[in-house]
Amino acid sequence: VHRSPPLKDPKTHQAVREMSQHAQRKELEE
């Protein structure tokens, strides 16, 4: 498929990265 506009959007990339990092900080070491 042709890329969906949010897949091209740097703001969406940044929001995904921030969300992921936020959740990773809550992960247990194991």
mmCIF file of all heavy atoms, coordinates in Angstrom:
data_MODEL
# 
_entry.id   MODEL 
# 
loop_
_atom_site.group_PDB 
_atom_site.id 
_atom_site.type_symbol 
_atom_site.label_atom_id 
_atom_site.label_alt_id 
_atom_site.label_comp_id 
_atom_site.label_asym_id 
_atom_site.label_entity_id 
_atom_site.label_seq_id 
_atom_site.pdbx_PDB_ins_code 
_atom_site.Cartn_x 
_atom_site.Cartn_y 
_atom_site.Cartn_z 
_atom_site.occupancy 
_atom_site.B_iso_or_equiv 
_atom_site.pdbx_formal_charge 
_atom_site.auth_seq_id 
_atom_site.auth_comp_id 
_atom_site.auth_asym_id 
_atom_site.auth_atom_id 
_atom_site.pdbx_PDB_model_num 
ATOM 1   N N   . VAL A 1 1  ? 0.811  -1.206 0.000  1.00 0.00 ? 1  VAL A N   1 
ATOM 2   C CA  . VAL A 1 1  ? 0.000  0.000  0.000  1.00 0.00 ? 1  VAL A CA  1 
ATOM 3   C C   . VAL A 1 1  ? 0.846  1.258  0.000  1.00 0.00 ? 1  VAL A C   1 
ATOM 4   O O   . VAL A 1 1  ? 2.020  1.236  0.332  1.00 0.00 ? 1  VAL A O   1 
ATOM 5   C CB  . VAL A 1 1  ? -0.937 0.007  1.218  1.00 0.00 ? 1  VAL A CB  1 
ATOM 6   C CG1 . VAL A 1 1  ? -1.887 -1.155 1.168  1.00 0.00 ? 1  VAL A CG1 1 
ATOM 7   C CG2 . VAL A 1 1  ? -0.164 -0.003 2.516  1.00 0.00 ? 1  VAL A CG2 1 
ATOM 8   N N   . HIS A 1 2  ? 0.207  2.352  -0.371 1.00 0.00 ? 2  HIS A N   1 
ATOM 9   C CA  . HIS A 1 2  ? 0.856  3.646  -0.267 1.00 0.00 ? 2  HIS A CA  1 
ATOM 10  C C   . HIS A 1 2  ? 0.751  4.100  1.184  1.00 0.00 ? 2  HIS A C   1 
ATOM 11  O O   . HIS A 1 2  ? -0.247 3.852  1.842  1.00 0.00 ? 2  HIS A O   1 
ATOM 12  C CB  . HIS A 1 2  ? 0.206  4.646  -1.222 1.00 0.00 ? 2  HIS A CB  1 
ATOM 13  C CG  . HIS A 1 2  ? 0.418  4.255  -2.649 1.00 0.00 ? 2  HIS A CG  1 
ATOM 14  N ND1 . HIS A 1 2  ? 1.625  4.423  -3.276 1.00 0.00 ? 2  HIS A ND1 1 
ATOM 15  C CD2 . HIS A 1 2  ? -0.397 3.659  -3.541 1.00 0.00 ? 2  HIS A CD2 1 
ATOM 16  C CE1 . HIS A 1 2  ? 1.539  3.955  -4.510 1.00 0.00 ? 2  HIS A CE1 1 
ATOM 17  N NE2 . HIS A 1 2  ? 0.320  3.488  -4.698 1.00 0.00 ? 2  HIS A NE2 1 
ATOM 18  N N   . ARG A 1 3  ? 1.760  4.742  1.649  1.00 0.00 ? 3  ARG A N   1 
ATOM 19  C CA  . ARG A 1 3  ? 1.851  5.096  3.054  1.00 0.00 ? 3  ARG A CA  1 
ATOM 20  C C   . ARG A 1 3  ? 0.720  6.031  3.480  1.00 0.00 ? 3  ARG A C   1 
ATOM 21  O O   . ARG A 1 3  ? 0.437  7.017  2.841  1.00 0.00 ? 3  ARG A O   1 
ATOM 22  C CB  . ARG A 1 3  ? 3.203  5.737  3.317  1.00 0.00 ? 3  ARG A CB  1 
ATOM 23  C CG  . ARG A 1 3  ? 3.493  5.833  4.791  1.00 0.00 ? 3  ARG A CG  1 
ATOM 24  C CD  . ARG A 1 3  ? 4.829  6.389  5.063  1.00 0.00 ? 3  ARG A CD  1 
ATOM 25  N NE  . ARG A 1 3  ? 5.856  5.421  4.727  1.00 0.00 ? 3  ARG A NE  1 
ATOM 26  C CZ  . ARG A 1 3  ? 7.125  5.739  4.682  1.00 0.00 ? 3  ARG A CZ  1 
ATOM 27  N NH1 . ARG A 1 3  ? 7.530  6.948  4.917  1.00 0.00 ? 3  ARG A NH1 1 
ATOM 28  N NH2 . ARG A 1 3  ? 8.010  4.821  4.382  1.00 0.00 ? 3  ARG A NH2 1 
ATOM 29  N N   . SER A 1 4  ? 0.119  5.703  4.598  1.00 0.00 ? 4  SER A N   1 
ATOM 30  C CA  . SER A 1 4  ? -0.926 6.507  5.216  1.00 0.00 ? 4  SER A CA  1 
ATOM 31  C C   . SER A 1 4  ? -0.295 7.809  5.728  1.00 0.00 ? 4  SER A C   1 
ATOM 32  O O   . SER A 1 4  ? 0.820  7.789  6.243  1.00 0.00 ? 4  SER A O   1 
ATOM 33  C CB  . SER A 1 4  ? -1.516 5.704  6.367  1.00 0.00 ? 4  SER A CB  1 
ATOM 34  O OG  . SER A 1 4  ? -2.464 6.439  7.069  1.00 0.00 ? 4  SER A OG  1 
ATOM 35  N N   . PRO A 1 5  ? -0.992 8.946  5.603  1.00 0.00 ? 5  PRO A N   1 
ATOM 36  C CA  . PRO A 1 5  ? -0.412 10.227 6.044  1.00 0.00 ? 5  PRO A CA  1 
ATOM 37  C C   . PRO A 1 5  ? 0.166  10.229 7.456  1.00 0.00 ? 5  PRO A C   1 
ATOM 38  O O   . PRO A 1 5  ? 1.266  10.762 7.654  1.00 0.00 ? 5  PRO A O   1 
ATOM 39  C CB  . PRO A 1 5  ? -1.580 11.209 5.893  1.00 0.00 ? 5  PRO A CB  1 
ATOM 40  C CG  . PRO A 1 5  ? -2.378 10.635 4.767  1.00 0.00 ? 5  PRO A CG  1 
ATOM 41  C CD  . PRO A 1 5  ? -2.292 9.138  4.949  1.00 0.00 ? 5  PRO A CD  1 
ATOM 42  N N   . PRO A 1 6  ? -0.491 9.639  8.479  1.00 0.00 ? 6  PRO A N   1 
ATOM 43  C CA  . PRO A 1 6  ? 0.144  9.646  9.800  1.00 0.00 ? 6  PRO A CA  1 
ATOM 44  C C   . PRO A 1 6  ? 1.475  8.887  9.851  1.00 0.00 ? 6  PRO A C   1 
ATOM 45  O O   . PRO A 1 6  ? 2.331  9.192  10.682 1.00 0.00 ? 6  PRO A O   1 
ATOM 46  C CB  . PRO A 1 6  ? -0.893 8.980  10.705 1.00 0.00 ? 6  PRO A CB  1 
ATOM 47  C CG  . PRO A 1 6  ? -2.189 9.208  10.026 1.00 0.00 ? 6  PRO A CG  1 
ATOM 48  C CD  . PRO A 1 6  ? -1.871 9.144  8.556  1.00 0.00 ? 6  PRO A CD  1 
ATOM 49  N N   . LEU A 1 7  ? 1.660  7.917  8.951  1.00 0.00 ? 7  LEU A N   1 
ATOM 50  C CA  . LEU A 1 7  ? 2.946  7.200  8.928  1.00 0.00 ? 7  LEU A CA  1 
ATOM 51  C C   . LEU A 1 7  ? 4.079  8.095  8.421  1.00 0.00 ? 7  LEU A C   1 
ATOM 52  O O   . LEU A 1 7  ? 5.241  7.831  8.676  1.00 0.00 ? 7  LEU A O   1 
ATOM 53  C CB  . LEU A 1 7  ? 2.854  5.936  8.068  1.00 0.00 ? 7  LEU A CB  1 
ATOM 54  C CG  . LEU A 1 7  ? 2.043  4.793  8.654  1.00 0.00 ? 7  LEU A CG  1 
ATOM 55  C CD1 . LEU A 1 7  ? 1.934  3.650  7.647  1.00 0.00 ? 7  LEU A CD1 1 
ATOM 56  C CD2 . LEU A 1 7  ? 2.643  4.299  9.956  1.00 0.00 ? 7  LEU A CD2 1 
ATOM 57  N N   . LYS A 1 8  ? 3.727  9.163  7.710  1.00 0.00 ? 8  LYS A N   1 
ATOM 58  C CA  . LYS A 1 8  ? 4.719  10.109 7.198  1.00 0.00 ? 8  LYS A CA  1 
ATOM 59  C C   . LYS A 1 8  ? 4.950  11.280 8.142  1.00 0.00 ? 8  LYS A C   1 
ATOM 60  O O   . LYS A 1 8  ? 5.912  12.012 7.988  1.00 0.00 ? 8  LYS A O   1 
ATOM 61  C CB  . LYS A 1 8  ? 4.259  10.695 5.851  1.00 0.00 ? 8  LYS A CB  1 
ATOM 62  C CG  . LYS A 1 8  ? 4.098  9.721  4.743  1.00 0.00 ? 8  LYS A CG  1 
ATOM 63  C CD  . LYS A 1 8  ? 3.726  10.494 3.490  1.00 0.00 ? 8  LYS A CD  1 
ATOM 64  C CE  . LYS A 1 8  ? 2.594  9.849  2.764  1.00 0.00 ? 8  LYS A CE  1 
ATOM 65  N NZ  . LYS A 1 8  ? 2.184  10.591 1.594  1.00 0.00 ? 8  LYS A NZ  1 
ATOM 66  N N   . ASP A 1 9  ? 4.048  11.485 9.077  1.00 0.00 ? 9  ASP A N   1 
ATOM 67  C CA  . ASP A 1 9  ? 4.047  12.681 9.909  1.00 0.00 ? 9  ASP A CA  1 
ATOM 68  C C   . ASP A 1 9  ? 5.065  12.585 11.055 1.00 0.00 ? 9  ASP A C   1 
ATOM 69  O O   . ASP A 1 9  ? 4.942  11.718 11.924 1.00 0.00 ? 9  ASP A O   1 
ATOM 70  C CB  . ASP A 1 9  ? 2.644  12.891 10.481 1.00 0.00 ? 9  ASP A CB  1 
ATOM 71  C CG  . ASP A 1 9  ? 2.479  14.201 11.211 1.00 0.00 ? 9  ASP A CG  1 
ATOM 72  O OD1 . ASP A 1 9  ? 3.476  14.925 11.405 1.00 0.00 ? 9  ASP A OD1 1 
ATOM 73  O OD2 . ASP A 1 9  ? 1.338  14.507 11.596 1.00 0.00 ? 9  ASP A OD2 1 
ATOM 74  N N   . PRO A 1 10 ? 6.055  13.477 11.087 1.00 0.00 ? 10 PRO A N   1 
ATOM 75  C CA  . PRO A 1 10 ? 7.047  13.472 12.180 1.00 0.00 ? 10 PRO A CA  1 
ATOM 76  C C   . PRO A 1 10 ? 6.412  13.651 13.564 1.00 0.00 ? 10 PRO A C   1 
ATOM 77  O O   . PRO A 1 10 ? 6.928  13.123 14.552 1.00 0.00 ? 10 PRO A O   1 
ATOM 78  C CB  . PRO A 1 10 ? 7.969  14.656 11.853 1.00 0.00 ? 10 PRO A CB  1 
ATOM 79  C CG  . PRO A 1 10 ? 7.729  14.968 10.423 1.00 0.00 ? 10 PRO A CG  1 
ATOM 80  C CD  . PRO A 1 10 ? 6.340  14.512 10.096 1.00 0.00 ? 10 PRO A CD  1 
ATOM 81  N N   . LYS A 1 11 ? 5.290  14.368 13.639 1.00 0.00 ? 11 LYS A N   1 
ATOM 82  C CA  . LYS A 1 11 ? 4.622  14.548 14.932 1.00 0.00 ? 11 LYS A CA  1 
ATOM 83  C C   . LYS A 1 11 ? 4.078  13.216 15.451 1.00 0.00 ? 11 LYS A C   1 
ATOM 84  O O   . LYS A 1 11 ? 4.122  12.948 16.650 1.00 0.00 ? 11 LYS A O   1 
ATOM 85  C CB  . LYS A 1 11 ? 3.490  15.564 14.813 1.00 0.00 ? 11 LYS A CB  1 
ATOM 86  C CG  . LYS A 1 11 ? 3.965  16.982 14.603 1.00 0.00 ? 11 LYS A CG  1 
ATOM 87  C CD  . LYS A 1 11 ? 2.796  17.924 14.438 1.00 0.00 ? 11 LYS A CD  1 
ATOM 88  C CE  . LYS A 1 11 ? 3.280  19.323 14.093 1.00 0.00 ? 11 LYS A CE  1 
ATOM 89  N NZ  . LYS A 1 11 ? 2.169  20.217 13.778 1.00 0.00 ? 11 LYS A NZ  1 
ATOM 90  N N   . THR A 1 12 ? 3.560  12.404 14.555 1.00 0.00 ? 12 THR A N   1 
ATOM 91  C CA  . THR A 1 12 ? 3.064  11.087 14.965 1.00 0.00 ? 12 THR A CA  1 
ATOM 92  C C   . THR A 1 12 ? 4.229  10.216 15.413 1.00 0.00 ? 12 THR A C   1 
ATOM 93  O O   . THR A 1 12 ? 4.133  9.525  16.429 1.00 0.00 ? 12 THR A O   1 
ATOM 94  C CB  . THR A 1 12 ? 2.288  10.405 13.820 1.00 0.00 ? 12 THR A CB  1 
ATOM 95  O OG1 . THR A 1 12 ? 1.286  11.292 13.329 1.00 0.00 ? 12 THR A OG1 1 
ATOM 96  C CG2 . THR A 1 12 ? 1.636  9.115  14.289 1.00 0.00 ? 12 THR A CG2 1 
ATOM 97  N N   . HIS A 1 13 ? 5.338  10.259 14.676 1.00 0.00 ? 13 HIS A N   1 
ATOM 98  C CA  . HIS A 1 13 ? 6.533  9.508  15.074 1.00 0.00 ? 13 HIS A CA  1 
ATOM 99  C C   . HIS A 1 13 ? 6.976  9.924  16.474 1.00 0.00 ? 13 HIS A C   1 
ATOM 100 O O   . HIS A 1 13 ? 7.301  9.066  17.308 1.00 0.00 ? 13 HIS A O   1 
ATOM 101 C CB  . HIS A 1 13 ? 7.677  9.737  14.078 1.00 0.00 ? 13 HIS A CB  1 
ATOM 102 C CG  . HIS A 1 13 ? 7.529  9.002  12.803 1.00 0.00 ? 13 HIS A CG  1 
ATOM 103 N ND1 . HIS A 1 13 ? 8.180  7.811  12.557 1.00 0.00 ? 13 HIS A ND1 1 
ATOM 104 C CD2 . HIS A 1 13 ? 6.802  9.272  11.697 1.00 0.00 ? 13 HIS A CD2 1 
ATOM 105 C CE1 . HIS A 1 13 ? 7.865  7.384  11.352 1.00 0.00 ? 13 HIS A CE1 1 
ATOM 106 N NE2 . HIS A 1 13 ? 7.028  8.253  10.808 1.00 0.00 ? 13 HIS A NE2 1 
ATOM 107 N N   . GLN A 1 14 ? 7.001  11.211 16.737 1.00 0.00 ? 14 GLN A N   1 
ATOM 108 C CA  . GLN A 1 14 ? 7.420  11.717 18.041 1.00 0.00 ? 14 GLN A CA  1 
ATOM 109 C C   . GLN A 1 14 ? 6.461  11.276 19.138 1.00 0.00 ? 14 GLN A C   1 
ATOM 110 O O   . GLN A 1 14 ? 6.885  10.854 20.215 1.00 0.00 ? 14 GLN A O   1 
ATOM 111 C CB  . GLN A 1 14 ? 7.522  13.250 18.006 1.00 0.00 ? 14 GLN A CB  1 
ATOM 112 C CG  . GLN A 1 14 ? 8.013  13.863 19.302 1.00 0.00 ? 14 GLN A CG  1 
ATOM 113 C CD  . GLN A 1 14 ? 9.427  13.451 19.654 1.00 0.00 ? 14 GLN A CD  1 
ATOM 114 O OE1 . GLN A 1 14 ? 10.254 13.157 18.790 1.00 0.00 ? 14 GLN A OE1 1 
ATOM 115 N NE2 . GLN A 1 14 ? 9.709  13.390 20.948 1.00 0.00 ? 14 GLN A NE2 1 
ATOM 116 N N   . ALA A 1 15 ? 5.156  11.345 18.879 1.00 0.00 ? 15 ALA A N   1 
ATOM 117 C CA  . ALA A 1 15 ? 4.160  10.928 19.871 1.00 0.00 ? 15 ALA A CA  1 
ATOM 118 C C   . ALA A 1 15 ? 4.291  9.435  20.185 1.00 0.00 ? 15 ALA A C   1 
ATOM 119 O O   . ALA A 1 15 ? 4.197  9.032  21.349 1.00 0.00 ? 15 ALA A O   1 
ATOM 120 C CB  . ALA A 1 15 ? 2.751  11.247 19.379 1.00 0.00 ? 15 ALA A CB  1 
ATOM 121 N N   . VAL A 1 16 ? 4.537  8.630  19.161 1.00 0.00 ? 16 VAL A N   1 
ATOM 122 C CA  . VAL A 1 16 ? 4.728  7.187  19.371 1.00 0.00 ? 16 VAL A CA  1 
ATOM 123 C C   . VAL A 1 16 ? 5.965  6.952  20.235 1.00 0.00 ? 16 VAL A C   1 
ATOM 124 O O   . VAL A 1 16 ? 5.937  6.163  21.188 1.00 0.00 ? 16 VAL A O   1 
ATOM 125 C CB  . VAL A 1 16 ? 4.851  6.443  18.014 1.00 0.00 ? 16 VAL A CB  1 
ATOM 126 C CG1 . VAL A 1 16 ? 5.393  5.036  18.198 1.00 0.00 ? 16 VAL A CG1 1 
ATOM 127 C CG2 . VAL A 1 16 ? 3.507  6.409  17.305 1.00 0.00 ? 16 VAL A CG2 1 
ATOM 128 N N   . ARG A 1 17 ? 7.047  7.637  19.915 1.00 0.00 ? 17 ARG A N   1 
ATOM 129 C CA  . ARG A 1 17 ? 8.300  7.486  20.667 1.00 0.00 ? 17 ARG A CA  1 
ATOM 130 C C   . ARG A 1 17 ? 8.101  7.887  22.136 1.00 0.00 ? 17 ARG A C   1 
ATOM 131 O O   . ARG A 1 17 ? 8.517  7.172  23.048 1.00 0.00 ? 17 ARG A O   1 
ATOM 132 C CB  . ARG A 1 17 ? 9.391  8.331  20.005 1.00 0.00 ? 17 ARG A CB  1 
ATOM 133 C CG  . ARG A 1 17 ? 10.786 7.956  20.329 1.00 0.00 ? 17 ARG A CG  1 
ATOM 134 C CD  . ARG A 1 17 ? 11.864 8.632  19.477 1.00 0.00 ? 17 ARG A CD  1 
ATOM 135 N NE  . ARG A 1 17 ? 11.492 9.833  18.740 1.00 0.00 ? 17 ARG A NE  1 
ATOM 136 C CZ  . ARG A 1 17 ? 11.185 9.869  17.442 1.00 0.00 ? 17 ARG A CZ  1 
ATOM 137 N NH1 . ARG A 1 17 ? 11.196 8.762  16.730 1.00 0.00 ? 17 ARG A NH1 1 
ATOM 138 N NH2 . ARG A 1 17 ? 10.873 10.997 16.839 1.00 0.00 ? 17 ARG A NH2 1 
ATOM 139 N N   . GLU A 1 18 ? 7.438  9.024  22.358 1.00 0.00 ? 18 GLU A N   1 
ATOM 140 C CA  . GLU A 1 18 ? 7.198  9.493  23.729 1.00 0.00 ? 18 GLU A CA  1 
ATOM 141 C C   . GLU A 1 18 ? 6.306  8.527  24.500 1.00 0.00 ? 18 GLU A C   1 
ATOM 142 O O   . GLU A 1 18 ? 6.560  8.246  25.675 1.00 0.00 ? 18 GLU A O   1 
ATOM 143 C CB  . GLU A 1 18 ? 6.558  10.884 23.701 1.00 0.00 ? 18 GLU A CB  1 
ATOM 144 C CG  . GLU A 1 18 ? 7.513  11.980 23.284 1.00 0.00 ? 18 GLU A CG  1 
ATOM 145 C CD  . GLU A 1 18 ? 6.822  13.327 23.095 1.00 0.00 ? 18 GLU A CD  1 
ATOM 146 O OE1 . GLU A 1 18 ? 5.596  13.435 23.383 1.00 0.00 ? 18 GLU A OE1 1 
ATOM 147 O OE2 . GLU A 1 18 ? 7.505  14.275 22.657 1.00 0.00 ? 18 GLU A OE2 1 
ATOM 148 N N   . MET A 1 19 ? 5.262  8.041  23.848 1.00 0.00 ? 19 MET A N   1 
ATOM 149 C CA  . MET A 1 19 ? 4.349  7.098  24.489 1.00 0.00 ? 19 MET A CA  1 
ATOM 150 C C   . MET A 1 19 ? 5.083  5.823  24.871 1.00 0.00 ? 19 MET A C   1 
ATOM 151 O O   . MET A 1 19 ? 4.925  5.308  25.982 1.00 0.00 ? 19 MET A O   1 
ATOM 152 C CB  . MET A 1 19 ? 3.203  6.760  23.534 1.00 0.00 ? 19 MET A CB  1 
ATOM 153 C CG  . MET A 1 19 ? 2.195  5.809  24.097 1.00 0.00 ? 19 MET A CG  1 
ATOM 154 S SD  . MET A 1 19 ? 1.036  6.624  25.151 1.00 0.00 ? 19 MET A SD  1 
ATOM 155 C CE  . MET A 1 19 ? 0.444  7.883  24.066 1.00 0.00 ? 19 MET A CE  1 
ATOM 156 N N   . SER A 1 20 ? 5.893  5.329  23.969 1.00 0.00 ? 20 SER A N   1 
ATOM 157 C CA  . SER A 1 20 ? 6.655  4.112  24.216 1.00 0.00 ? 20 SER A CA  1 
ATOM 158 C C   . SER A 1 20 ? 7.620  4.305  25.385 1.00 0.00 ? 20 SER A C   1 
ATOM 159 O O   . SER A 1 20 ? 7.694  3.459  26.288 1.00 0.00 ? 20 SER A O   1 
ATOM 160 C CB  . SER A 1 20 ? 7.420  3.731  22.946 1.00 0.00 ? 20 SER A CB  1 
ATOM 161 O OG  . SER A 1 20 ? 8.217  2.604  23.173 1.00 0.00 ? 20 SER A OG  1 
ATOM 162 N N   . GLN A 1 21 ? 8.339  5.399  25.384 1.00 0.00 ? 21 GLN A N   1 
ATOM 163 C CA  . GLN A 1 21 ? 9.305  5.671  26.459 1.00 0.00 ? 21 GLN A CA  1 
ATOM 164 C C   . GLN A 1 21 ? 8.592  5.839  27.798 1.00 0.00 ? 21 GLN A C   1 
ATOM 165 O O   . GLN A 1 21 ? 9.076  5.367  28.834 1.00 0.00 ? 21 GLN A O   1 
ATOM 166 C CB  . GLN A 1 21 ? 10.133 6.907  26.128 1.00 0.00 ? 21 GLN A CB  1 
ATOM 167 C CG  . GLN A 1 21 ? 11.090 6.665  24.988 1.00 0.00 ? 21 GLN A CG  1 
ATOM 168 C CD  . GLN A 1 21 ? 11.744 7.936  24.465 1.00 0.00 ? 21 GLN A CD  1 
ATOM 169 O OE1 . GLN A 1 21 ? 11.373 9.049  24.833 1.00 0.00 ? 21 GLN A OE1 1 
ATOM 170 N NE2 . GLN A 1 21 ? 12.718 7.774  23.579 1.00 0.00 ? 21 GLN A NE2 1 
ATOM 171 N N   . HIS A 1 22 ? 7.434  6.484  27.791 1.00 0.00 ? 22 HIS A N   1 
ATOM 172 C CA  . HIS A 1 22 ? 6.644  6.663  29.005 1.00 0.00 ? 22 HIS A CA  1 
ATOM 173 C C   . HIS A 1 22 ? 6.274  5.299  29.592 1.00 0.00 ? 22 HIS A C   1 
ATOM 174 O O   . HIS A 1 22 ? 6.418  5.071  30.802 1.00 0.00 ? 22 HIS A O   1 
ATOM 175 C CB  . HIS A 1 22 ? 5.383  7.483  28.678 1.00 0.00 ? 22 HIS A CB  1 
ATOM 176 C CG  . HIS A 1 22 ? 4.526  7.778  29.848 1.00 0.00 ? 22 HIS A CG  1 
ATOM 177 N ND1 . HIS A 1 22 ? 3.414  7.030  30.151 1.00 0.00 ? 22 HIS A ND1 1 
ATOM 178 C CD2 . HIS A 1 22 ? 4.605  8.746  30.796 1.00 0.00 ? 22 HIS A CD2 1 
ATOM 179 C CE1 . HIS A 1 22 ? 2.842  7.516  31.232 1.00 0.00 ? 22 HIS A CE1 1 
ATOM 180 N NE2 . HIS A 1 22 ? 3.539  8.568  31.642 1.00 0.00 ? 22 HIS A NE2 1 
ATOM 181 N N   . ALA A 1 23 ? 5.807  4.400  28.768 1.00 0.00 ? 23 ALA A N   1 
ATOM 182 C CA  . ALA A 1 23 ? 5.423  3.064  29.237 1.00 0.00 ? 23 ALA A CA  1 
ATOM 183 C C   . ALA A 1 23 ? 6.644  2.251  29.657 1.00 0.00 ? 23 ALA A C   1 
ATOM 184 O O   . ALA A 1 23 ? 6.586  1.511  30.643 1.00 0.00 ? 23 ALA A O   1 
ATOM 185 C CB  . ALA A 1 23 ? 4.644  2.334  28.150 1.00 0.00 ? 23 ALA A CB  1 
ATOM 186 N N   . GLN A 1 24 ? 7.748  2.380  28.933 1.00 0.00 ? 24 GLN A N   1 
ATOM 187 C CA  . GLN A 1 24 ? 8.955  1.624  29.268 1.00 0.00 ? 24 GLN A CA  1 
ATOM 188 C C   . GLN A 1 24 ? 9.497  2.006  30.643 1.00 0.00 ? 24 GLN A C   1 
ATOM 189 O O   . GLN A 1 24 ? 10.048 1.161  31.357 1.00 0.00 ? 24 GLN A O   1 
ATOM 190 C CB  . GLN A 1 24 ? 10.032 1.824  28.203 1.00 0.00 ? 24 GLN A CB  1 
ATOM 191 C CG  . GLN A 1 24 ? 9.715  1.128  26.904 1.00 0.00 ? 24 GLN A CG  1 
ATOM 192 C CD  . GLN A 1 24 ? 10.648 1.518  25.775 1.00 0.00 ? 24 GLN A CD  1 
ATOM 193 O OE1 . GLN A 1 24 ? 11.650 2.206  25.975 1.00 0.00 ? 24 GLN A OE1 1 
ATOM 194 N NE2 . GLN A 1 24 ? 10.319 1.083  24.561 1.00 0.00 ? 24 GLN A NE2 1 
ATOM 195 N N   . ARG A 1 25 ? 9.336  3.269  31.029 1.00 0.00 ? 25 ARG A N   1 
ATOM 196 C CA  . ARG A 1 25 ? 9.796  3.697  32.358 1.00 0.00 ? 25 ARG A CA  1 
ATOM 197 C C   . ARG A 1 25 ? 9.003  3.007  33.467 1.00 0.00 ? 25 ARG A C   1 
ATOM 198 O O   . ARG A 1 25 ? 9.478  2.899  34.599 1.00 0.00 ? 25 ARG A O   1 
ATOM 199 C CB  . ARG A 1 25 ? 9.687  5.213  32.496 1.00 0.00 ? 25 ARG A CB  1 
ATOM 200 C CG  . ARG A 1 25 ? 10.755 5.960  31.736 1.00 0.00 ? 25 ARG A CG  1 
ATOM 201 C CD  . ARG A 1 25 ? 10.786 7.443  32.087 1.00 0.00 ? 25 ARG A CD  1 
ATOM 202 N NE  . ARG A 1 25 ? 9.620  8.177  31.644 1.00 0.00 ? 25 ARG A NE  1 
ATOM 203 C CZ  . ARG A 1 25 ? 9.490  8.746  30.444 1.00 0.00 ? 25 ARG A CZ  1 
ATOM 204 N NH1 . ARG A 1 25 ? 10.476 8.654  29.564 1.00 0.00 ? 25 ARG A NH1 1 
ATOM 205 N NH2 . ARG A 1 25 ? 8.390  9.400  30.128 1.00 0.00 ? 25 ARG A NH2 1 
ATOM 206 N N   . LYS A 1 26 ? 7.821  2.506  33.150 1.00 0.00 ? 26 LYS A N   1 
ATOM 207 C CA  . LYS A 1 26 ? 6.978  1.827  34.139 1.00 0.00 ? 26 LYS A CA  1 
ATOM 208 C C   . LYS A 1 26 ? 7.221  0.317  34.187 1.00 0.00 ? 26 LYS A C   1 
ATOM 209 O O   . LYS A 1 26 ? 6.685  -0.355 35.058 1.00 0.00 ? 26 LYS A O   1 
ATOM 210 C CB  . LYS A 1 26 ? 5.504  2.078  33.821 1.00 0.00 ? 26 LYS A CB  1 
ATOM 211 C CG  . LYS A 1 26 ? 5.092  3.501  33.952 1.00 0.00 ? 26 LYS A CG  1 
ATOM 212 C CD  . LYS A 1 26 ? 3.637  3.584  33.543 1.00 0.00 ? 26 LYS A CD  1 
ATOM 213 C CE  . LYS A 1 26 ? 3.030  4.859  34.043 1.00 0.00 ? 26 LYS A CE  1 
ATOM 214 N NZ  . LYS A 1 26 ? 1.582  4.810  33.947 1.00 0.00 ? 26 LYS A NZ  1 
ATOM 215 N N   . GLU A 1 27 ? 7.984  -0.203 33.228 1.00 0.00 ? 27 GLU A N   1 
ATOM 216 C CA  . GLU A 1 27 ? 8.202  -1.648 33.156 1.00 0.00 ? 27 GLU A CA  1 
ATOM 217 C C   . GLU A 1 27 ? 9.018  -2.146 34.343 1.00 0.00 ? 27 GLU A C   1 
ATOM 218 O O   . GLU A 1 27 ? 9.929  -1.468 34.816 1.00 0.00 ? 27 GLU A O   1 
ATOM 219 C CB  . GLU A 1 27 ? 8.966  -2.019 31.875 1.00 0.00 ? 27 GLU A CB  1 
ATOM 220 C CG  . GLU A 1 27 ? 8.120  -2.086 30.653 1.00 0.00 ? 27 GLU A CG  1 
ATOM 221 C CD  . GLU A 1 27 ? 8.909  -2.525 29.427 1.00 0.00 ? 27 GLU A CD  1 
ATOM 222 O OE1 . GLU A 1 27 ? 9.965  -3.178 29.555 1.00 0.00 ? 27 GLU A OE1 1 
ATOM 223 O OE2 . GLU A 1 27 ? 8.463  -2.192 28.325 1.00 0.00 ? 27 GLU A OE2 1 
ATOM 224 N N   . LEU A 1 28 ? 8.706  -3.345 34.754 1.00 0.00 ? 28 LEU A N   1 
ATOM 225 C CA  . LEU A 1 28 ? 9.522  -4.016 35.758 1.00 0.00 ? 28 LEU A CA  1 
ATOM 226 C C   . LEU A 1 28 ? 10.820 -4.477 35.105 1.00 0.00 ? 28 LEU A C   1 
ATOM 227 O O   . LEU A 1 28 ? 10.853 -4.778 33.908 1.00 0.00 ? 28 LEU A O   1 
ATOM 228 C CB  . LEU A 1 28 ? 8.769  -5.225 36.328 1.00 0.00 ? 28 LEU A CB  1 
ATOM 229 C CG  . LEU A 1 28 ? 7.415  -4.941 36.991 1.00 0.00 ? 28 LEU A CG  1 
ATOM 230 C CD1 . LEU A 1 28 ? 6.746  -6.248 37.378 1.00 0.00 ? 28 LEU A CD1 1 
ATOM 231 C CD2 . LEU A 1 28 ? 7.604  -4.031 38.195 1.00 0.00 ? 28 LEU A CD2 1 
ATOM 232 N N   . GLU A 1 29 ? 11.864 -4.566 35.879 1.00 0.00 ? 29 GLU A N   1 
ATOM 233 C CA  . GLU A 1 29 ? 13.171 -4.971 35.354 1.00 0.00 ? 29 GLU A CA  1 
ATOM 234 C C   . GLU A 1 29 ? 13.085 -6.319 34.625 1.00 0.00 ? 29 GLU A C   1 
ATOM 235 O O   . GLU A 1 29 ? 13.659 -6.503 33.558 1.00 0.00 ? 29 GLU A O   1 
ATOM 236 C CB  . GLU A 1 29 ? 14.190 -5.045 36.501 1.00 0.00 ? 29 GLU A CB  1 
ATOM 237 C CG  . GLU A 1 29 ? 15.581 -5.429 36.074 1.00 0.00 ? 29 GLU A CG  1 
ATOM 238 C CD  . GLU A 1 29 ? 16.254 -4.386 35.187 1.00 0.00 ? 29 GLU A CD  1 
ATOM 239 O OE1 . GLU A 1 29 ? 15.991 -3.172 35.369 1.00 0.00 ? 29 GLU A OE1 1 
ATOM 240 O OE2 . GLU A 1 29 ? 17.037 -4.775 34.304 1.00 0.00 ? 29 GLU A OE2 1 
ATOM 241 N N   . GLU A 1 30 ? 12.331 -7.246 35.181 1.00 0.00 ? 30 GLU A N   1 
ATOM 242 C CA  . GLU A 1 30 ? 12.235 -8.583 34.584 1.00 0.00 ? 30 GLU A CA  1 
ATOM 243 C C   . GLU A 1 30 ? 11.506 -8.587 33.235 1.00 0.00 ? 30 GLU A C   1 
ATOM 244 O O   . GLU A 1 30 ? 11.646 -9.516 32.438 1.00 0.00 ? 30 GLU A O   1 
ATOM 245 C CB  . GLU A 1 30 ? 11.544 -9.548 35.549 1.00 0.00 ? 30 GLU A CB  1 
ATOM 246 C CG  . GLU A 1 30 ? 10.093 -9.183 35.796 1.00 0.00 ? 30 GLU A CG  1 
ATOM 247 C CD  . GLU A 1 30 ? 9.646  -9.389 37.222 1.00 0.00 ? 30 GLU A CD  1 
ATOM 248 O OE1 . GLU A 1 30 ? 10.414 -9.093 38.138 1.00 0.00 ? 30 GLU A OE1 1 
ATOM 249 O OE2 . GLU A 1 30 ? 8.511  -9.847 37.395 1.00 0.00 ? 30 GLU A OE2 1 
# 
